[in-house]
Amino acid sequence: MPHHLMNLRHVPDDEAEEIRALFEAHDVRFYETPPSRWGISMGGFWVHDTEEAERAKAILHEYQYQRTQTQREAYETWRLQGKGGGIWYMFRQKPVRTLAACLAIIVIAGFSLLPFIRIG
């Protein structure tokens, strides 16, 4: 019976490559199904054997913990350099696009709430 190790939907290519290399380095006998173009199937990494699944999940858990720490550090460095963070950053970088998005949000919220608000 196949054991699903990880969903590949929305996984960056570099992360998927690192996981493939990690599984190969630890001799995990895995196979992969790609996600569909239209988002119907999720794709993922799989193994057949239950013991292999336990071992692979432990390896994957350690990798994901390390990747989380690395990505948090990279984000914090990026944020401290003033390259990101919130609506004010977006407004300074792309003011027209940000205003258009804010206006669209207000219009959509207005139309959504209109039936519940009695005017006059």
PDB file of N, CA and C in Angstrom:
ATOM      1  N   MET A   1       0.842  -1.177   0.000  1.00  0.00           N
ATOM      2  CA  MET A   1       0.000   0.000   0.000  1.00  0.00           C
ATOM      3  C   MET A   1       0.892   1.247   0.000  1.00  0.00           C
ATOM      4  N   PRO A   2       0.650   2.181  -0.904  1.00  0.00           N
ATOM      5  CA  PRO A   2       1.481   3.389  -0.961  1.00  0.00           C
ATOM      6  C   PRO A   2       1.238   4.314   0.233  1.00  0.00           C
ATOM      7  N   HIS A   3       2.307   4.988   0.636  1.00  0.00           N
ATOM      8  CA  HIS A   3       2.252   5.949   1.734  1.00  0.00           C
ATOM      9  C   HIS A   3       2.638   7.322   1.192  1.00  0.00           C
ATOM     10  N   HIS A   4       1.765   8.293   1.394  1.00  0.00           N
ATOM     11  CA  HIS A   4       2.004   9.647   0.912  1.00  0.00           C
ATOM     12  C   HIS A   4       2.895  10.376   1.907  1.00  0.00           C
ATOM     13  N   LEU A   5       4.019  10.905   1.420  1.00  0.00           N
ATOM     14  CA  LEU A   5       4.959  11.597   2.297  1.00  0.00           C
ATOM     15  C   LEU A   5       4.759  13.097   2.302  1.00  0.00           C
ATOM     16  N   MET A   6       4.497  13.650   1.117  1.00  0.00           N
ATOM     17  CA  MET A   6       4.433  15.108   1.025  1.00  0.00           C
ATOM     18  C   MET A   6       3.646  15.527  -0.203  1.00  0.00           C
ATOM     19  N   ASN A   7       2.809  16.522  -0.036  1.00  0.00           N
ATOM     20  CA  ASN A   7       2.053  17.132  -1.118  1.00  0.00           C
ATOM     21  C   ASN A   7       2.991  18.074  -1.886  1.00  0.00           C
ATOM     22  N   LEU A   8       2.952  18.057  -3.195  1.00  0.00           N
ATOM     23  CA  LEU A   8       3.810  18.927  -3.993  1.00  0.00           C
ATOM     24  C   LEU A   8       3.111  20.189  -4.500  1.00  0.00           C
ATOM     25  N   ARG A   9       1.867  20.371  -4.154  1.00  0.00           N
ATOM     26  CA  ARG A   9       1.169  21.577  -4.591  1.00  0.00           C
ATOM     27  C   ARG A   9       1.762  22.788  -3.876  1.00  0.00           C
ATOM     28  N   HIS A  10       2.131  23.797  -4.625  1.00  0.00           N
ATOM     29  CA  HIS A  10       2.694  25.055  -4.126  1.00  0.00           C
ATOM     30  C   HIS A  10       4.075  24.891  -3.492  1.00  0.00           C
ATOM     31  N   VAL A  11       4.770  23.809  -3.797  1.00  0.00           N
ATOM     32  CA  VAL A  11       6.126  23.616  -3.287  1.00  0.00           C
ATOM     33  C   VAL A  11       7.098  24.224  -4.295  1.00  0.00           C
ATOM     34  N   PRO A  12       7.994  25.115  -3.855  1.00  0.00           N
ATOM     35  CA  PRO A  12       8.962  25.712  -4.773  1.00  0.00           C
ATOM     36  C   PRO A  12       9.879  24.643  -5.378  1.00  0.00           C
ATOM     37  N   ASP A  13      10.337  24.893  -6.595  1.00  0.00           N
ATOM     38  CA  ASP A  13      11.194  23.926  -7.285  1.00  0.00           C
ATOM     39  C   ASP A  13      12.469  23.613  -6.505  1.00  0.00           C
ATOM     40  N   ASP A  14      13.061  24.633  -5.870  1.00  0.00           N
ATOM     41  CA  ASP A  14      14.303  24.385  -5.137  1.00  0.00           C
ATOM     42  C   ASP A  14      14.066  23.465  -3.942  1.00  0.00           C
ATOM     43  N   GLU A  15      12.924  23.586  -3.296  1.00  0.00           N
ATOM     44  CA  GLU A  15      12.616  22.707  -2.163  1.00  0.00           C
ATOM     45  C   GLU A  15      12.391  21.270  -2.633  1.00  0.00           C
ATOM     46  N   ALA A  16      11.666  21.103  -3.721  1.00  0.00           N
ATOM     47  CA  ALA A  16      11.439  19.759  -4.258  1.00  0.00           C
ATOM     48  C   ALA A  16      12.754  19.110  -4.662  1.00  0.00           C
ATOM     49  N   GLU A  17      13.651  19.873  -5.278  1.00  0.00           N
ATOM     50  CA  GLU A  17      14.965  19.338  -5.664  1.00  0.00           C
ATOM     51  C   GLU A  17      15.780  18.926  -4.441  1.00  0.00           C
ATOM     52  N   GLU A  18      15.740  19.751  -3.399  1.00  0.00           N
ATOM     53  CA  GLU A  18      16.475  19.422  -2.173  1.00  0.00           C
ATOM     54  C   GLU A  18      15.935  18.148  -1.539  1.00  0.00           C
ATOM     55  N   ILE A  19      14.621  17.961  -1.563  1.00  0.00           N
ATOM     56  CA  ILE A  19      14.024  16.762  -0.979  1.00  0.00           C
ATOM     57  C   ILE A  19      14.385  15.534  -1.804  1.00  0.00           C
ATOM     58  N   ARG A  20      14.362  15.649  -3.127  1.00  0.00           N
ATOM     59  CA  ARG A  20      14.786  14.525  -3.968  1.00  0.00           C
ATOM     60  C   ARG A  20      16.220  14.123  -3.654  1.00  0.00           C
ATOM     61  N   ALA A  21      17.103  15.127  -3.569  1.00  0.00           N
ATOM     62  CA  ALA A  21      18.514  14.858  -3.268  1.00  0.00           C
ATOM     63  C   ALA A  21      18.661  14.245  -1.877  1.00  0.00           C
ATOM     64  N   LEU A  22      17.885  14.721  -0.931  1.00  0.00           N
ATOM     65  CA  LEU A  22      17.933  14.197   0.431  1.00  0.00           C
ATOM     66  C   LEU A  22      17.495  12.734   0.464  1.00  0.00           C
ATOM     67  N   PHE A  23      16.402  12.419  -0.206  1.00  0.00           N
ATOM     68  CA  PHE A  23      15.937  11.029  -0.262  1.00  0.00           C
ATOM     69  C   PHE A  23      16.961  10.133  -0.948  1.00  0.00           C
ATOM     70  N   GLU A  24      17.549  10.612  -2.022  1.00  0.00           N
ATOM     71  CA  GLU A  24      18.559   9.812  -2.716  1.00  0.00           C
ATOM     72  C   GLU A  24      19.801   9.616  -1.852  1.00  0.00           C
ATOM     73  N   ALA A  25      20.196  10.643  -1.108  1.00  0.00           N
ATOM     74  CA  ALA A  25      21.367  10.531  -0.235  1.00  0.00           C
ATOM     75  C   ALA A  25      21.134   9.530   0.898  1.00  0.00           C
ATOM     76  N   HIS A  26      19.879   9.383   1.325  1.00  0.00           N
ATOM     77  CA  HIS A  26      19.553   8.455   2.405  1.00  0.00           C
ATOM     78  C   HIS A  26      18.985   7.131   1.879  1.00  0.00           C
ATOM     79  N   ASP A  27      19.109   6.909   0.587  1.00  0.00           N
ATOM     80  CA  ASP A  27      18.634   5.676  -0.055  1.00  0.00           C
ATOM     81  C   ASP A  27      17.168   5.369   0.239  1.00  0.00           C
ATOM     82  N   VAL A  28      16.354   6.409   0.211  1.00  0.00           N
ATOM     83  CA  VAL A  28      14.914   6.220   0.358  1.00  0.00           C
ATOM     84  C   VAL A  28      14.367   5.862  -1.016  1.00  0.00           C
ATOM     85  N   ARG A  29      13.696   4.719  -1.092  1.00  0.00           N
ATOM     86  CA  ARG A  29      13.111   4.280  -2.365  1.00  0.00           C
ATOM     87  C   ARG A  29      11.739   4.932  -2.524  1.00  0.00           C
ATOM     88  N   PHE A  30      11.729   6.092  -3.160  1.00  0.00           N
ATOM     89  CA  PHE A  30      10.503   6.871  -3.300  1.00  0.00           C
ATOM     90  C   PHE A  30      10.127   6.963  -4.768  1.00  0.00           C
ATOM     91  N   TYR A  31       8.911   7.376  -4.997  1.00  0.00           N
ATOM     92  CA  TYR A  31       8.497   7.758  -6.342  1.00  0.00           C
ATOM     93  C   TYR A  31       7.686   9.032  -6.224  1.00  0.00           C
ATOM     94  N   GLU A  32       7.500   9.671  -7.358  1.00  0.00           N
ATOM     95  CA  GLU A  32       6.898  11.002  -7.361  1.00  0.00           C
ATOM     96  C   GLU A  32       5.783  11.070  -8.380  1.00  0.00           C
ATOM     97  N   THR A  33       4.713  11.733  -7.999  1.00  0.00           N
ATOM     98  CA  THR A  33       3.642  12.032  -8.946  1.00  0.00           C
ATOM     99  C   THR A  33       3.546  13.549  -9.040  1.00  0.00           C
ATOM    100  N   PRO A  34       3.560  14.099 -10.248  1.00  0.00           N
ATOM    101  CA  PRO A  34       3.509  15.562 -10.390  1.00  0.00           C
ATOM    102  C   PRO A  34       2.101  16.095 -10.154  1.00  0.00           C
ATOM    103  N   PRO A  35       1.998  17.331  -9.664  1.00  0.00           N
ATOM    104  CA  PRO A  35       0.668  17.937  -9.545  1.00  0.00           C
ATOM    105  C   PRO A  35       0.112  18.234 -10.935  1.00  0.00           C
ATOM    106  N   SER A  36      -1.200  18.201 -11.058  1.00  0.00           N
ATOM    107  CA  SER A  36      -1.792  18.484 -12.362  1.00  0.00           C
ATOM    108  C   SER A  36      -1.777  19.979 -12.635  1.00  0.00           C
ATOM    109  N   ARG A  37      -1.886  20.326 -13.901  1.00  0.00           N
ATOM    110  CA  ARG A  37      -1.889  21.736 -14.294  1.00  0.00           C
ATOM    111  C   ARG A  37      -3.103  22.486 -13.758  1.00  0.00           C
ATOM    112  N   TRP A  38      -4.210  21.789 -13.636  1.00  0.00           N
ATOM    113  CA  TRP A  38      -5.454  22.442 -13.251  1.00  0.00           C
ATOM    114  C   TRP A  38      -5.770  22.292 -11.767  1.00  0.00           C
ATOM    115  N   GLY A  39      -4.846  21.768 -10.998  1.00  0.00           N
ATOM    116  CA  GLY A  39      -5.031  21.663  -9.558  1.00  0.00           C
ATOM    117  C   GLY A  39      -5.975  20.565  -9.108  1.00  0.00           C
ATOM    118  N   ILE A  40      -6.247  19.594  -9.982  1.00  0.00           N
ATOM    119  CA  ILE A  40      -7.154  18.509  -9.610  1.00  0.00           C
ATOM    120  C   ILE A  40      -6.436  17.495  -8.721  1.00  0.00           C
ATOM    121  N   SER A  41      -5.247  17.071  -9.144  1.00  0.00           N
ATOM    122  CA  SER A  41      -4.478  16.142  -8.319  1.00  0.00           C
ATOM    123  C   SER A  41      -3.318  16.882  -7.678  1.00  0.00           C
ATOM    124  N   MET A  42      -2.979  16.482  -6.464  1.00  0.00           N
ATOM    125  CA  MET A  42      -1.989  17.227  -5.703  1.00  0.00           C
ATOM    126  C   MET A  42      -0.563  16.834  -6.020  1.00  0.00           C
ATOM    127  N   GLY A  43      -0.319  15.636  -6.495  1.00  0.00           N
ATOM    128  CA  GLY A  43       1.044  15.186  -6.710  1.00  0.00           C
ATOM    129  C   GLY A  43       1.748  15.010  -5.379  1.00  0.00           C
ATOM    130  N   GLY A  44       2.915  14.419  -5.413  1.00  0.00           N
ATOM    131  CA  GLY A  44       3.638  14.281  -4.158  1.00  0.00           C
ATOM    132  C   GLY A  44       4.719  13.234  -4.215  1.00  0.00           C
ATOM    133  N   PHE A  45       5.362  13.044  -3.070  1.00  0.00           N
ATOM    134  CA  PHE A  45       6.362  11.998  -2.887  1.00  0.00           C
ATOM    135  C   PHE A  45       5.687  10.845  -2.160  1.00  0.00           C
ATOM    136  N   TRP A  46       5.996   9.632  -2.610  1.00  0.00           N
ATOM    137  CA  TRP A  46       5.365   8.427  -2.086  1.00  0.00           C
ATOM    138  C   TRP A  46       6.405   7.335  -1.875  1.00  0.00           C
ATOM    139  N   VAL A  47       6.090   6.399  -0.985  1.00  0.00           N
ATOM    140  CA  VAL A  47       6.857   5.160  -0.830  1.00  0.00           C
ATOM    141  C   VAL A  47       5.856   4.015  -0.689  1.00  0.00           C
ATOM    142  N   HIS A  48       6.329   2.796  -0.937  1.00  0.00           N
ATOM    143  CA  HIS A  48       5.447   1.629  -0.843  1.00  0.00           C
ATOM    144  C   HIS A  48       5.477   0.987   0.538  1.00  0.00           C
ATOM    145  N   ASP A  49       6.634   0.909   1.128  1.00  0.00           N
ATOM    146  CA  ASP A  49       6.839   0.156   2.356  1.00  0.00           C
ATOM    147  C   ASP A  49       6.525   0.999   3.598  1.00  0.00           C
ATOM    148  N   THR A  50       5.911   0.407   4.594  1.00  0.00           N
ATOM    149  CA  THR A  50       5.550   1.121   5.824  1.00  0.00           C
ATOM    150  C   THR A  50       6.786   1.552   6.596  1.00  0.00           C
ATOM    151  N   GLU A  51       7.768   0.675   6.719  1.00  0.00           N
ATOM    152  CA  GLU A  51       9.001   1.022   7.430  1.00  0.00           C
ATOM    153  C   GLU A  51       9.758   2.128   6.702  1.00  0.00           C
ATOM    154  N   GLU A  52       9.770   2.044   5.391  1.00  0.00           N
ATOM    155  CA  GLU A  52      10.419   3.081   4.580  1.00  0.00           C
ATOM    156  C   GLU A  52       9.693   4.426   4.764  1.00  0.00           C
ATOM    157  N   ALA A  53       8.387   4.374   4.889  1.00  0.00           N
ATOM    158  CA  ALA A  53       7.603   5.597   5.091  1.00  0.00           C
ATOM    159  C   ALA A  53       7.949   6.240   6.431  1.00  0.00           C
ATOM    160  N   GLU A  54       8.097   5.426   7.471  1.00  0.00           N
ATOM    161  CA  GLU A  54       8.456   5.957   8.795  1.00  0.00           C
ATOM    162  C   GLU A  54       9.819   6.650   8.731  1.00  0.00           C
ATOM    163  N   ARG A  55      10.772   5.987   8.111  1.00  0.00           N
ATOM    164  CA  ARG A  55      12.126   6.543   7.997  1.00  0.00           C
ATOM    165  C   ARG A  55      12.127   7.816   7.162  1.00  0.00           C
ATOM    166  N   ALA A  56      11.416   7.787   6.043  1.00  0.00           N
ATOM    167  CA  ALA A  56      11.359   8.954   5.158  1.00  0.00           C
ATOM    168  C   ALA A  56      10.677  10.131   5.844  1.00  0.00           C
ATOM    169  N   LYS A  57       9.629   9.870   6.602  1.00  0.00           N
ATOM    170  CA  LYS A  57       8.932  10.950   7.309  1.00  0.00           C
ATOM    171  C   LYS A  57       9.835  11.593   8.353  1.00  0.00           C
ATOM    172  N   ALA A  58      10.654  10.794   9.024  1.00  0.00           N
ATOM    173  CA  ALA A  58      11.592  11.350  10.013  1.00  0.00           C
ATOM    174  C   ALA A  58      12.622  12.236   9.322  1.00  0.00           C
ATOM    175  N   ILE A  59      13.141  11.773   8.199  1.00  0.00           N
ATOM    176  CA  ILE A  59      14.122  12.557   7.430  1.00  0.00           C
ATOM    177  C   ILE A  59      13.470  13.850   6.934  1.00  0.00           C
ATOM    178  N   LEU A  60      12.267  13.729   6.422  1.00  0.00           N
ATOM    179  CA  LEU A  60      11.540  14.884   5.897  1.00  0.00           C
ATOM    180  C   LEU A  60      11.211  15.886   7.008  1.00  0.00           C
ATOM    181  N   HIS A  61      10.841  15.391   8.162  1.00  0.00           N
ATOM    182  CA  HIS A  61      10.535  16.271   9.289  1.00  0.00           C
ATOM    183  C   HIS A  61      11.770  17.089   9.684  1.00  0.00           C
ATOM    184  N   GLU A  62      12.917  16.452   9.778  1.00  0.00           N
ATOM    185  CA  GLU A  62      14.157  17.160  10.122  1.00  0.00           C
ATOM    186  C   GLU A  62      14.515  18.188   9.052  1.00  0.00           C
ATOM    187  N   TYR A  63      14.370  17.812   7.783  1.00  0.00           N
ATOM    188  CA  TYR A  63      14.654  18.734   6.683  1.00  0.00           C
ATOM    189  C   TYR A  63      13.736  19.958   6.762  1.00  0.00           C
ATOM    190  N   GLN A  64      12.445  19.730   6.972  1.00  0.00           N
ATOM    191  CA  GLN A  64      11.495  20.837   6.995  1.00  0.00           C
ATOM    192  C   GLN A  64      11.744  21.765   8.178  1.00  0.00           C
ATOM    193  N   TYR A  65      12.166  21.204   9.304  1.00  0.00           N
ATOM    194  CA  TYR A  65      12.511  22.048  10.449  1.00  0.00           C
ATOM    195  C   TYR A  65      13.692  22.956  10.098  1.00  0.00           C
ATOM    196  N   GLN A  66      14.727  22.371   9.495  1.00  0.00           N
ATOM    197  CA  GLN A  66      15.904  23.155   9.106  1.00  0.00           C
ATOM    198  C   GLN A  66      15.551  24.189   8.043  1.00  0.00           C
ATOM    199  N   ARG A  67      14.753  23.822   7.080  1.00  0.00           N
ATOM    200  CA  ARG A  67      14.365  24.763   6.021  1.00  0.00           C
ATOM    201  C   ARG A  67      13.551  25.914   6.601  1.00  0.00           C
ATOM    202  N   THR A  68      12.673  25.619   7.540  1.00  0.00           N
ATOM    203  CA  THR A  68      11.892  26.680   8.176  1.00  0.00           C
ATOM    204  C   THR A  68      12.808  27.687   8.850  1.00  0.00           C
ATOM    205  N   GLN A  69      13.800  27.193   9.574  1.00  0.00           N
ATOM    206  CA  GLN A  69      14.742  28.086  10.252  1.00  0.00           C
ATOM    207  C   GLN A  69      15.518  28.925   9.230  1.00  0.00           C
ATOM    208  N   THR A  70      15.993  28.302   8.168  1.00  0.00           N
ATOM    209  CA  THR A  70      16.758  29.003   7.132  1.00  0.00           C
ATOM    210  C   THR A  70      15.911  30.069   6.449  1.00  0.00           C
ATOM    211  N   GLN A  71      14.673  29.729   6.119  1.00  0.00           N
ATOM    212  CA  GLN A  71      13.793  30.674   5.435  1.00  0.00           C
ATOM    213  C   GLN A  71      13.407  31.836   6.349  1.00  0.00           C
ATOM    214  N   ARG A  72      13.218  31.562   7.637  1.00  0.00           N
ATOM    215  CA  ARG A  72      12.910  32.647   8.576  1.00  0.00           C
ATOM    216  C   ARG A  72      14.085  33.617   8.691  1.00  0.00           C
ATOM    217  N   GLU A  73      15.296  33.064   8.759  1.00  0.00           N
ATOM    218  CA  GLU A  73      16.484  33.921   8.828  1.00  0.00           C
ATOM    219  C   GLU A  73      16.628  34.753   7.555  1.00  0.00           C
ATOM    220  N   ALA A  74      16.401  34.135   6.407  1.00  0.00           N
ATOM    221  CA  ALA A  74      16.501  34.858   5.140  1.00  0.00           C
ATOM    222  C   ALA A  74      15.454  35.961   5.064  1.00  0.00           C
ATOM    223  N   TYR A  75      14.235  35.674   5.513  1.00  0.00           N
ATOM    224  CA  TYR A  75      13.180  36.681   5.500  1.00  0.00           C
ATOM    225  C   TYR A  75      13.526  37.835   6.436  1.00  0.00           C
ATOM    226  N   GLU A  76      14.032  37.505   7.621  1.00  0.00           N
ATOM    227  CA  GLU A  76      14.371  38.553   8.578  1.00  0.00           C
ATOM    228  C   GLU A  76      15.477  39.446   8.028  1.00  0.00           C
ATOM    229  N   THR A  77      16.477  38.862   7.389  1.00  0.00           N
ATOM    230  CA  THR A  77      17.545  39.643   6.756  1.00  0.00           C
ATOM    231  C   THR A  77      16.965  40.531   5.669  1.00  0.00           C
ATOM    232  N   TRP A  78      16.115  39.962   4.845  1.00  0.00           N
ATOM    233  CA  TRP A  78      15.466  40.695   3.752  1.00  0.00           C
ATOM    234  C   TRP A  78      14.648  41.855   4.298  1.00  0.00           C
ATOM    235  N   ARG A  79      13.896  41.606   5.375  1.00  0.00           N
ATOM    236  CA  ARG A  79      13.056  42.643   5.973  1.00  0.00           C
ATOM    237  C   ARG A  79      13.903  43.744   6.601  1.00  0.00           C
ATOM    238  N   LEU A  80      14.998  43.376   7.273  1.00  0.00           N
ATOM    239  CA  LEU A  80      15.867  44.369   7.903  1.00  0.00           C
ATOM    240  C   LEU A  80      16.584  45.244   6.875  1.00  0.00           C
ATOM    241  N   GLN A  81      16.745  44.732   5.669  1.00  0.00           N
ATOM    242  CA  GLN A  81      17.352  45.512   4.599  1.00  0.00           C
ATOM    243  C   GLN A  81      16.336  46.462   3.970  1.00  0.00           C
ATOM    244  N   GLY A  82      15.111  46.425   4.462  1.00  0.00           N
ATOM    245  CA  GLY A  82      14.074  47.316   3.958  1.00  0.00           C
ATOM    246  C   GLY A  82      13.474  46.865   2.643  1.00  0.00           C
ATOM    247  N   LYS A  83      13.558  45.586   2.349  1.00  0.00           N
ATOM    248  CA  LYS A  83      13.056  45.093   1.069  1.00  0.00           C
ATOM    249  C   LYS A  83      11.657  44.501   1.148  1.00  0.00           C
ATOM    250  N   GLY A  84      11.024  44.603   2.259  1.00  0.00           N
ATOM    251  CA  GLY A  84       9.694  44.015   2.317  1.00  0.00           C
ATOM    252  C   GLY A  84       8.955  44.411   3.561  1.00  0.00           C
ATOM    253  N   GLY A  85       7.719  44.069   3.581  1.00  0.00           N
ATOM    254  CA  GLY A  85       6.949  44.274   4.777  1.00  0.00           C
ATOM    255  C   GLY A  85       5.767  45.187   4.617  1.00  0.00           C
ATOM    256  N   GLY A  86       4.655  44.641   4.309  1.00  0.00           N
ATOM    257  CA  GLY A  86       3.404  45.352   4.417  1.00  0.00           C
ATOM    258  C   GLY A  86       3.006  46.257   3.271  1.00  0.00           C
ATOM    259  N   ILE A  87       1.892  46.914   3.533  1.00  0.00           N
ATOM    260  CA  ILE A  87       1.268  47.742   2.507  1.00  0.00           C
ATOM    261  C   ILE A  87       2.093  48.997   2.205  1.00  0.00           C
ATOM    262  N   TRP A  88       2.779  49.535   3.219  1.00  0.00           N
ATOM    263  CA  TRP A  88       3.563  50.749   2.968  1.00  0.00           C
ATOM    264  C   TRP A  88       4.734  50.469   2.043  1.00  0.00           C
ATOM    265  N   TYR A  89       5.344  49.313   2.185  1.00  0.00           N
ATOM    266  CA  TYR A  89       6.421  48.930   1.264  1.00  0.00           C
ATOM    267  C   TYR A  89       5.867  48.810  -0.153  1.00  0.00           C
ATOM    268  N   MET A  90       4.733  48.133  -0.281  1.00  0.00           N
ATOM    269  CA  MET A  90       4.126  47.973  -1.604  1.00  0.00           C
ATOM    270  C   MET A  90       3.726  49.326  -2.193  1.00  0.00           C
ATOM    271  N   PHE A  91       3.208  50.213  -1.353  1.00  0.00           N
ATOM    272  CA  PHE A  91       2.806  51.536  -1.837  1.00  0.00           C
ATOM    273  C   PHE A  91       4.003  52.323  -2.342  1.00  0.00           C
ATOM    274  N   ARG A  92       5.138  52.241  -1.644  1.00  0.00           N
ATOM    275  CA  ARG A  92       6.349  52.948  -2.097  1.00  0.00           C
ATOM    276  C   ARG A  92       6.898  52.351  -3.392  1.00  0.00           C
ATOM    277  N   GLN A  93       6.790  51.037  -3.542  1.00  0.00           N
ATOM    278  CA  GLN A  93       7.350  50.377  -4.724  1.00  0.00           C
ATOM    279  C   GLN A  93       6.447  50.511  -5.951  1.00  0.00           C
ATOM    280  N   LYS A  94       5.154  50.280  -5.751  1.00  0.00           N
ATOM    281  CA  LYS A  94       4.200  50.306  -6.871  1.00  0.00           C
ATOM    282  C   LYS A  94       2.921  51.010  -6.425  1.00  0.00           C
ATOM    283  N   PRO A  95       2.944  52.338  -6.376  1.00  0.00           N
ATOM    284  CA  PRO A  95       1.793  53.069  -5.826  1.00  0.00           C
ATOM    285  C   PRO A  95       0.505  52.894  -6.619  1.00  0.00           C
ATOM    286  N   VAL A  96       0.568  52.914  -7.942  1.00  0.00           N
ATOM    287  CA  VAL A  96      -0.658  52.798  -8.750  1.00  0.00           C
ATOM    288  C   VAL A  96      -1.287  51.423  -8.564  1.00  0.00           C
ATOM    289  N   ARG A  97      -0.470  50.395  -8.627  1.00  0.00           N
ATOM    290  CA  ARG A  97      -0.969  49.025  -8.453  1.00  0.00           C
ATOM    291  C   ARG A  97      -1.559  48.832  -7.059  1.00  0.00           C
ATOM    292  N   THR A  98      -0.904  49.369  -6.044  1.00  0.00           N
ATOM    293  CA  THR A  98      -1.383  49.228  -4.674  1.00  0.00           C
ATOM    294  C   THR A  98      -2.699  49.969  -4.475  1.00  0.00           C
ATOM    295  N   LEU A  99      -2.794  51.184  -5.003  1.00  0.00           N
ATOM    296  CA  LEU A  99      -4.054  51.925  -4.899  1.00  0.00           C
ATOM    297  C   LEU A  99      -5.185  51.218  -5.642  1.00  0.00           C
ATOM    298  N   ALA A 100      -4.873  50.683  -6.816  1.00  0.00           N
ATOM    299  CA  ALA A 100      -5.891  49.959  -7.587  1.00  0.00           C
ATOM    300  C   ALA A 100      -6.373  48.731  -6.821  1.00  0.00           C
ATOM    301  N   ALA A 101      -5.457  48.011  -6.202  1.00  0.00           N
ATOM    302  CA  ALA A 101      -5.834  46.828  -5.423  1.00  0.00           C
ATOM    303  C   ALA A 101      -6.689  47.220  -4.221  1.00  0.00           C
ATOM    304  N   CYS A 102      -6.294  48.272  -3.518  1.00  0.00           N
ATOM    305  CA  CYS A 102      -7.077  48.740  -2.360  1.00  0.00           C
ATOM    306  C   CYS A 102      -8.469  49.185  -2.793  1.00  0.00           C
ATOM    307  N   LEU A 103      -8.553  49.902  -3.907  1.00  0.00           N
ATOM    308  CA  LEU A 103      -9.840  50.338  -4.415  1.00  0.00           C
ATOM    309  C   LEU A 103     -10.710  49.142  -4.797  1.00  0.00           C
ATOM    310  N   ALA A 104     -10.113  48.155  -5.431  1.00  0.00           N
ATOM    311  CA  ALA A 104     -10.864  46.946  -5.799  1.00  0.00           C
ATOM    312  C   ALA A 104     -11.392  46.234  -4.556  1.00  0.00           C
ATOM    313  N   ILE A 105     -10.585  46.163  -3.511  1.00  0.00           N
ATOM    314  CA  ILE A 105     -11.023  45.525  -2.267  1.00  0.00           C
ATOM    315  C   ILE A 105     -12.202  46.281  -1.673  1.00  0.00           C
ATOM    316  N   ILE A 106     -12.133  47.592  -1.679  1.00  0.00           N
ATOM    317  CA  ILE A 106     -13.216  48.414  -1.121  1.00  0.00           C
ATOM    318  C   ILE A 106     -14.497  48.239  -1.938  1.00  0.00           C
ATOM    319  N   VAL A 107     -14.371  48.234  -3.257  1.00  0.00           N
ATOM    320  CA  VAL A 107     -15.551  48.069  -4.123  1.00  0.00           C
ATOM    321  C   VAL A 107     -16.176  46.695  -3.916  1.00  0.00           C
ATOM    322  N   ILE A 108     -15.355  45.660  -3.888  1.00  0.00           N
ATOM    323  CA  ILE A 108     -15.887  44.299  -3.698  1.00  0.00           C
ATOM    324  C   ILE A 108     -16.548  44.177  -2.333  1.00  0.00           C
ATOM    325  N   ALA A 109     -15.907  44.714  -1.293  1.00  0.00           N
ATOM    326  CA  ALA A 109     -16.503  44.681   0.048  1.00  0.00           C
ATOM    327  C   ALA A 109     -17.813  45.457   0.066  1.00  0.00           C
ATOM    328  N   GLY A 110     -17.845  46.594  -0.626  1.00  0.00           N
ATOM    329  CA  GLY A 110     -19.066  47.395  -0.685  1.00  0.00           C
ATOM    330  C   GLY A 110     -20.211  46.648  -1.344  1.00  0.00           C
ATOM    331  N   PHE A 111     -19.934  46.043  -2.495  1.00  0.00           N
ATOM    332  CA  PHE A 111     -20.974  45.271  -3.178  1.00  0.00           C
ATOM    333  C   PHE A 111     -21.411  44.063  -2.356  1.00  0.00           C
ATOM    334  N   SER A 112     -20.493  43.459  -1.654  1.00  0.00           N
ATOM    335  CA  SER A 112     -20.825  42.291  -0.836  1.00  0.00           C
ATOM    336  C   SER A 112     -21.717  42.672   0.346  1.00  0.00           C
ATOM    337  N   LEU A 113     -21.481  43.845   0.909  1.00  0.00           N
ATOM    338  CA  LEU A 113     -22.229  44.272   2.084  1.00  0.00           C
ATOM    339  C   LEU A 113     -23.483  45.060   1.748  1.00  0.00           C
ATOM    340  N   LEU A 114     -23.614  45.509   0.511  1.00  0.00           N
ATOM    341  CA  LEU A 114     -24.739  46.342   0.091  1.00  0.00           C
ATOM    342  C   LEU A 114     -26.103  45.742   0.450  1.00  0.00           C
ATOM    343  N   PRO A 115     -26.335  44.443   0.216  1.00  0.00           N
ATOM    344  CA  PRO A 115     -27.659  43.901   0.565  1.00  0.00           C
ATOM    345  C   PRO A 115     -27.980  43.966   2.057  1.00  0.00           C
ATOM    346  N   PHE A 116     -26.963  44.066   2.903  1.00  0.00           N
ATOM    347  CA  PHE A 116     -27.182  44.052   4.340  1.00  0.00           C
ATOM    348  C   PHE A 116     -27.276  45.461   4.946  1.00  0.00           C
ATOM    349  N   ILE A 117     -26.979  46.459   4.129  1.00  0.00           N
ATOM    350  CA  ILE A 117     -26.994  47.835   4.609  1.00  0.00           C
ATOM    351  C   ILE A 117     -28.187  48.545   3.977  1.00  0.00           C
ATOM    352  N   ARG A 118     -29.000  49.151   4.825  1.00  0.00           N
ATOM    353  CA  ARG A 118     -30.137  49.888   4.310  1.00  0.00           C
ATOM    354  C   ARG A 118     -29.757  51.354   4.232  1.00  0.00           C
ATOM    355  N   ILE A 119     -29.751  51.863   3.018  1.00  0.00           N
ATOM    356  CA  ILE A 119     -29.406  53.263   2.816  1.00  0.00           C
ATOM    357  C   ILE A 119     -30.718  54.043   2.663  1.00  0.00           C
ATOM    358  N   GLY A 120     -30.864  55.101   3.477  1.00  0.00           N
ATOM    359  CA  GLY A 120     -32.010  55.979   3.363  1.00  0.00           C
ATOM    360  C   GLY A 120     -33.170  55.421   3.990  1.00  0.00           C
TER     361      GLY A 120
END
